[in-house]
């Protein structure tokens, strides 16, 4: 029986759109593409979420990926307000699940600067029973350790949990430790999948 719902944040509870954010600066499409490849699409992005290197160190890695974009990279990453939004269903969904008696948690690859700059949108976290932002614990999905840490920290049983994430490898990581997983596409689809597992949600 499912007793706990675990949510990823980006593109599940909050829209994360780095390309739209880059485009908001007015750059041409070719610059946006190069910027995307050098940053969010590079393996170095995970280092932001892992939180071991400083923000400045990771930005220098981005610059190394495309040195001609040095000024643009530093300009874009000076203030990340706008890189995350908020779905209109997020707060209500959390409250509804809580009212039904479920534990509601978050498990997200997230970096400190994004949390700081977008904090005014993240009040919904206070409605939840807790969770993990990867940078604080220096480990990212789909590393087995992050799922095990969540279970241990909050005294959860894997078989009583279901995890919603928009990336398949992160779902696979959860399933590897015995947590059921739902690949999130949109809220309607996720609600239907939860209902199949006996979760009271709408």
Foldseek 3Di string as FASTA:
>chain_A
DAQAEEEAPDPAFKDAAPLVLLCVVVDDPVVSVLLCVLEVVDPLVLVQLLQPDDPVVSLVSSCVSPVVCNVVSCVSLVAPPPRIGGDPCNLVQLVVLVVVNGAYEYEYSDGDRCCVRHVVRPPSRVSHPYYDRNSVVSDHPPPLVRLVCRCVVVVHDQCNYEYEEQDVRNQVSSVVRPHHYDNDDDDVVVVVVVVVVVRPGD
